[in-house]
N, C-alpha and C. Protein backbone atom coordinates (compact mmCIF):
# COMPACT_ATOMS: atom_id res chain seq x y z
N UNK A 1 46.03 -37.54 2.16
CA UNK A 1 44.91 -37.33 3.01
C UNK A 1 44.27 -38.66 3.38
N UNK A 2 44.19 -39.57 2.48
CA UNK A 2 43.54 -40.84 2.74
C UNK A 2 44.21 -41.60 3.86
N UNK A 3 45.46 -41.48 3.91
CA UNK A 3 46.18 -42.25 4.91
C UNK A 3 45.88 -41.76 6.32
N UNK A 4 45.46 -40.51 6.46
CA UNK A 4 45.18 -39.98 7.80
C UNK A 4 43.77 -40.33 8.25
N UNK A 5 42.88 -40.69 7.38
CA UNK A 5 41.51 -41.07 7.76
C UNK A 5 41.46 -42.58 8.01
N UNK A 6 41.63 -42.90 9.20
CA UNK A 6 41.59 -44.32 9.56
C UNK A 6 40.16 -44.69 9.89
N UNK A 7 39.95 -45.97 10.01
CA UNK A 7 38.60 -46.47 10.32
C UNK A 7 38.11 -45.93 11.67
N UNK A 8 39.00 -45.85 12.61
CA UNK A 8 38.58 -45.38 13.94
C UNK A 8 38.20 -43.89 13.88
N UNK A 9 38.93 -43.13 13.09
CA UNK A 9 38.59 -41.71 12.95
C UNK A 9 37.26 -41.56 12.23
N UNK A 10 37.02 -42.37 11.21
CA UNK A 10 35.74 -42.33 10.50
C UNK A 10 34.60 -42.75 11.42
N UNK A 11 34.84 -43.76 12.24
CA UNK A 11 33.81 -44.18 13.20
C UNK A 11 33.54 -43.07 14.21
N UNK A 12 34.60 -42.39 14.64
CA UNK A 12 34.44 -41.29 15.57
C UNK A 12 33.63 -40.15 14.94
N UNK A 13 33.97 -39.83 13.67
CA UNK A 13 33.23 -38.80 12.94
C UNK A 13 31.78 -39.20 12.76
N UNK A 14 31.55 -40.46 12.44
CA UNK A 14 30.18 -40.96 12.27
C UNK A 14 29.40 -40.84 13.59
N UNK A 15 30.07 -41.12 14.69
CA UNK A 15 29.43 -41.00 16.01
C UNK A 15 29.07 -39.55 16.31
N UNK A 16 29.98 -38.66 16.00
CA UNK A 16 29.72 -37.23 16.24
C UNK A 16 28.56 -36.73 15.37
N UNK A 17 28.55 -37.17 14.12
CA UNK A 17 27.45 -36.78 13.22
C UNK A 17 26.14 -37.33 13.76
N UNK A 18 26.16 -38.54 14.27
CA UNK A 18 24.96 -39.13 14.86
C UNK A 18 24.49 -38.33 16.07
N UNK A 19 25.46 -37.91 16.91
CA UNK A 19 25.11 -37.09 18.07
C UNK A 19 24.49 -35.76 17.63
N UNK A 20 25.10 -35.18 16.60
CA UNK A 20 24.58 -33.92 16.10
C UNK A 20 23.17 -34.10 15.54
N UNK A 21 22.92 -35.22 14.87
CA UNK A 21 21.57 -35.47 14.36
C UNK A 21 20.57 -35.58 15.50
N UNK A 22 20.99 -36.26 16.55
CA UNK A 22 20.12 -36.38 17.72
C UNK A 22 19.83 -35.02 18.34
N UNK A 23 20.88 -34.20 18.46
CA UNK A 23 20.69 -32.85 19.01
C UNK A 23 19.80 -32.02 18.10
N UNK A 24 19.97 -32.17 16.80
CA UNK A 24 19.13 -31.44 15.85
C UNK A 24 17.68 -31.88 15.98
N UNK A 25 17.44 -33.17 16.18
CA UNK A 25 16.07 -33.65 16.38
C UNK A 25 15.47 -33.05 17.64
N UNK A 26 16.29 -32.95 18.70
CA UNK A 26 15.81 -32.34 19.93
C UNK A 26 15.45 -30.87 19.71
N UNK A 27 16.32 -30.17 18.98
CA UNK A 27 16.07 -28.76 18.70
C UNK A 27 14.80 -28.61 17.86
N UNK A 28 14.63 -29.48 16.86
CA UNK A 28 13.43 -29.43 16.04
C UNK A 28 12.19 -29.70 16.88
N UNK A 29 12.28 -30.65 17.79
CA UNK A 29 11.15 -30.94 18.67
C UNK A 29 10.82 -29.77 19.57
N UNK A 30 11.86 -29.13 20.12
CA UNK A 30 11.64 -27.97 20.96
C UNK A 30 11.02 -26.82 20.16
N UNK A 31 11.49 -26.65 18.93
CA UNK A 31 10.93 -25.60 18.08
C UNK A 31 9.47 -25.90 17.75
N UNK A 32 9.16 -27.18 17.50
CA UNK A 32 7.78 -27.57 17.21
C UNK A 32 6.89 -27.29 18.43
N UNK A 33 7.38 -27.64 19.61
CA UNK A 33 6.63 -27.38 20.85
C UNK A 33 6.44 -25.87 21.05
N UNK A 34 7.49 -25.13 20.78
CA UNK A 34 7.43 -23.68 20.91
C UNK A 34 6.42 -23.09 19.93
N UNK A 35 6.41 -23.60 18.71
CA UNK A 35 5.47 -23.13 17.69
C UNK A 35 4.03 -23.40 18.13
N UNK A 36 3.79 -24.59 18.67
CA UNK A 36 2.45 -24.92 19.16
C UNK A 36 2.06 -23.99 20.30
N UNK A 37 2.98 -23.76 21.22
CA UNK A 37 2.71 -22.89 22.36
C UNK A 37 2.44 -21.45 21.90
N UNK A 38 3.25 -20.96 20.97
CA UNK A 38 3.06 -19.61 20.45
C UNK A 38 1.73 -19.48 19.71
N UNK A 39 1.38 -20.50 18.96
CA UNK A 39 0.11 -20.48 18.24
C UNK A 39 -1.05 -20.39 19.22
N UNK A 40 -0.98 -21.17 20.30
CA UNK A 40 -2.04 -21.12 21.32
C UNK A 40 -2.09 -19.75 21.99
N UNK A 41 -0.91 -19.21 22.31
CA UNK A 41 -0.87 -17.89 22.94
C UNK A 41 -1.41 -16.81 22.01
N UNK A 42 -1.09 -16.89 20.74
CA UNK A 42 -1.59 -15.92 19.77
C UNK A 42 -3.10 -16.02 19.65
N UNK A 43 -3.63 -17.24 19.68
CA UNK A 43 -5.08 -17.42 19.64
C UNK A 43 -5.74 -16.78 20.83
N UNK A 44 -5.17 -16.99 22.02
CA UNK A 44 -5.71 -16.37 23.24
C UNK A 44 -5.63 -14.85 23.14
N UNK A 45 -4.51 -14.36 22.65
CA UNK A 45 -4.33 -12.91 22.52
C UNK A 45 -5.35 -12.33 21.54
N UNK A 46 -5.58 -13.03 20.43
CA UNK A 46 -6.58 -12.56 19.46
C UNK A 46 -7.96 -12.49 20.08
N UNK A 47 -8.30 -13.51 20.87
CA UNK A 47 -9.61 -13.51 21.54
C UNK A 47 -9.73 -12.32 22.49
N UNK A 48 -8.66 -12.05 23.24
CA UNK A 48 -8.69 -10.92 24.17
C UNK A 48 -8.83 -9.60 23.42
N UNK A 49 -8.09 -9.46 22.34
CA UNK A 49 -8.14 -8.22 21.56
C UNK A 49 -9.54 -8.04 20.96
N UNK A 50 -10.13 -9.14 20.44
CA UNK A 50 -11.48 -9.05 19.89
C UNK A 50 -12.48 -8.65 20.95
N UNK A 51 -12.34 -9.21 22.15
CA UNK A 51 -13.26 -8.87 23.24
C UNK A 51 -13.12 -7.40 23.61
N UNK A 52 -11.88 -6.92 23.72
CA UNK A 52 -11.66 -5.51 24.05
C UNK A 52 -12.20 -4.60 22.95
N UNK A 53 -11.98 -5.00 21.72
CA UNK A 53 -12.47 -4.20 20.59
C UNK A 53 -13.99 -4.14 20.59
N UNK A 54 -14.62 -5.25 20.89
CA UNK A 54 -16.08 -5.28 20.97
C UNK A 54 -16.58 -4.36 22.08
N UNK A 55 -15.88 -4.38 23.20
CA UNK A 55 -16.26 -3.51 24.33
C UNK A 55 -16.11 -2.04 23.94
N UNK A 56 -15.01 -1.71 23.27
CA UNK A 56 -14.79 -0.33 22.83
C UNK A 56 -15.88 0.09 21.85
N UNK A 57 -16.21 -0.79 20.91
CA UNK A 57 -17.27 -0.48 19.94
C UNK A 57 -18.60 -0.24 20.64
N UNK A 58 -18.88 -1.05 21.63
CA UNK A 58 -20.13 -0.89 22.39
C UNK A 58 -20.15 0.45 23.10
N UNK A 59 -19.04 0.79 23.75
CA UNK A 59 -18.96 2.07 24.46
C UNK A 59 -19.07 3.25 23.49
N UNK A 60 -18.44 3.14 22.34
CA UNK A 60 -18.52 4.21 21.34
C UNK A 60 -19.96 4.35 20.85
N UNK A 61 -20.64 3.22 20.67
CA UNK A 61 -22.04 3.27 20.24
C UNK A 61 -22.92 3.96 21.25
N UNK A 62 -22.73 3.62 22.54
CA UNK A 62 -23.55 4.28 23.56
C UNK A 62 -23.20 5.76 23.66
N UNK A 63 -21.93 6.10 23.49
CA UNK A 63 -21.53 7.51 23.51
C UNK A 63 -22.16 8.26 22.35
N UNK A 64 -22.22 7.64 21.19
CA UNK A 64 -22.85 8.28 20.03
C UNK A 64 -24.33 8.53 20.29
N UNK A 65 -25.00 7.54 20.87
CA UNK A 65 -26.43 7.74 21.12
C UNK A 65 -26.64 8.85 22.15
N UNK A 66 -25.78 8.92 23.16
CA UNK A 66 -25.87 10.01 24.14
C UNK A 66 -25.65 11.36 23.46
N UNK A 67 -24.65 11.41 22.58
CA UNK A 67 -24.36 12.67 21.89
C UNK A 67 -25.53 13.09 21.01
N UNK A 68 -26.14 12.13 20.29
CA UNK A 68 -27.29 12.46 19.45
C UNK A 68 -28.43 12.99 20.31
N UNK A 69 -28.63 12.40 21.45
CA UNK A 69 -29.69 12.85 22.36
C UNK A 69 -29.41 14.28 22.83
N UNK A 70 -28.17 14.52 23.25
CA UNK A 70 -27.81 15.86 23.72
C UNK A 70 -27.89 16.89 22.60
N UNK A 71 -27.45 16.53 21.42
CA UNK A 71 -27.51 17.46 20.28
C UNK A 71 -28.96 17.78 19.95
N UNK A 72 -29.84 16.76 20.01
CA UNK A 72 -31.26 17.01 19.78
C UNK A 72 -31.83 17.96 20.82
N UNK A 73 -31.41 17.80 22.06
CA UNK A 73 -31.86 18.69 23.12
C UNK A 73 -31.39 20.12 22.87
N UNK A 74 -30.16 20.26 22.47
CA UNK A 74 -29.62 21.60 22.16
C UNK A 74 -30.39 22.23 21.00
N UNK A 75 -30.70 21.44 19.98
CA UNK A 75 -31.46 21.97 18.83
C UNK A 75 -32.84 22.46 19.28
N UNK A 76 -33.49 21.69 20.16
CA UNK A 76 -34.80 22.11 20.64
C UNK A 76 -34.70 23.41 21.45
N UNK A 77 -33.68 23.52 22.26
CA UNK A 77 -33.50 24.74 23.06
C UNK A 77 -33.21 25.95 22.17
N UNK A 78 -32.42 25.75 21.14
CA UNK A 78 -32.13 26.85 20.21
C UNK A 78 -33.41 27.26 19.48
N UNK A 79 -34.21 26.28 19.09
CA UNK A 79 -35.50 26.59 18.44
C UNK A 79 -36.41 27.39 19.35
N UNK A 80 -36.47 26.99 20.62
CA UNK A 80 -37.30 27.74 21.59
C UNK A 80 -36.78 29.16 21.76
N UNK A 81 -35.46 29.32 21.80
CA UNK A 81 -34.86 30.65 21.92
C UNK A 81 -35.19 31.51 20.70
N UNK A 82 -35.16 30.92 19.52
CA UNK A 82 -35.49 31.65 18.31
C UNK A 82 -36.95 32.11 18.34
N UNK A 83 -37.84 31.23 18.77
CA UNK A 83 -39.26 31.62 18.85
C UNK A 83 -39.45 32.79 19.83
N UNK A 84 -38.75 32.71 20.97
CA UNK A 84 -38.86 33.78 21.96
C UNK A 84 -38.35 35.10 21.39
N UNK A 85 -37.22 35.05 20.70
CA UNK A 85 -36.66 36.27 20.09
C UNK A 85 -37.62 36.84 19.06
N UNK A 86 -38.23 35.99 18.26
CA UNK A 86 -39.18 36.45 17.23
C UNK A 86 -40.41 37.07 17.90
N UNK A 87 -40.89 36.44 18.96
CA UNK A 87 -42.07 36.97 19.66
C UNK A 87 -41.76 38.34 20.27
N UNK A 88 -40.61 38.45 20.92
CA UNK A 88 -40.25 39.74 21.53
C UNK A 88 -40.04 40.79 20.45
N UNK A 89 -39.35 40.40 19.37
CA UNK A 89 -39.13 41.35 18.26
C UNK A 89 -40.44 41.78 17.64
N UNK A 90 -41.36 40.84 17.43
CA UNK A 90 -42.67 41.19 16.87
C UNK A 90 -43.43 42.11 17.80
N UNK A 91 -43.36 41.82 19.10
CA UNK A 91 -44.04 42.69 20.07
C UNK A 91 -43.47 44.09 20.06
N UNK A 92 -42.15 44.20 19.98
CA UNK A 92 -41.51 45.52 19.94
C UNK A 92 -41.89 46.28 18.68
N UNK A 93 -41.90 45.58 17.56
CA UNK A 93 -42.27 46.24 16.29
C UNK A 93 -43.73 46.70 16.36
N UNK A 94 -44.60 45.80 16.88
CA UNK A 94 -46.01 46.19 17.02
C UNK A 94 -46.18 47.38 17.93
N UNK A 95 -45.46 47.39 19.04
CA UNK A 95 -45.54 48.51 19.97
C UNK A 95 -45.04 49.78 19.31
N UNK A 96 -43.96 49.70 18.56
CA UNK A 96 -43.41 50.86 17.86
C UNK A 96 -44.41 51.40 16.85
N UNK A 97 -45.08 50.51 16.13
CA UNK A 97 -46.07 50.94 15.13
C UNK A 97 -47.24 51.62 15.82
N UNK A 98 -47.73 51.02 16.91
CA UNK A 98 -48.86 51.61 17.63
C UNK A 98 -48.46 52.97 18.21
N UNK A 99 -47.25 53.05 18.76
CA UNK A 99 -46.79 54.32 19.33
C UNK A 99 -46.66 55.38 18.26
N UNK A 100 -46.15 55.00 17.11
CA UNK A 100 -45.99 55.95 15.99
C UNK A 100 -47.36 56.41 15.52
N UNK A 101 -48.31 55.48 15.37
CA UNK A 101 -49.67 55.87 14.95
C UNK A 101 -50.32 56.75 16.00
N UNK A 102 -50.08 56.45 17.26
CA UNK A 102 -50.65 57.27 18.32
C UNK A 102 -50.07 58.68 18.29
N UNK A 103 -48.78 58.77 18.06
CA UNK A 103 -48.14 60.07 17.99
C UNK A 103 -48.64 60.85 16.79
N UNK A 104 -48.81 60.19 15.67
CA UNK A 104 -49.31 60.85 14.47
C UNK A 104 -50.75 61.30 14.72
N UNK A 105 -51.52 60.47 15.34
CA UNK A 105 -52.94 60.81 15.59
C UNK A 105 -53.06 62.00 16.53
N UNK A 106 -52.21 62.10 17.50
CA UNK A 106 -52.30 63.21 18.45
C UNK A 106 -51.76 64.51 17.87
N UNK A 107 -50.94 64.43 16.91
CA UNK A 107 -50.34 65.62 16.32
C UNK A 107 -51.20 66.17 15.19
N UNK A 108 -52.19 65.50 14.72
CA UNK A 108 -53.00 66.00 13.62
C UNK A 108 -54.10 66.82 14.07
């Protein structure tokens, strides 16, 4: 094997290895640039997502306050309906009692 590795072949191999090292440095540089670019893009994306999330939270908050307002309104209306039903029921019971007493009084 030694006899086949001449100085010129070793020099050629050394040159190829040097070229490969140069290409590897270029690839590493491109990867470093890509990493920096991706990091910047991810930062921008995070900012956009945070802004959208904040907007959604704000909208959900306003929707909750609207719902609480509407639910309070419904509760007040139900309370008014209950009072009306009680008043009508009381009036009917009172009328029934008076009518019964009147009937009893006329029959005696």
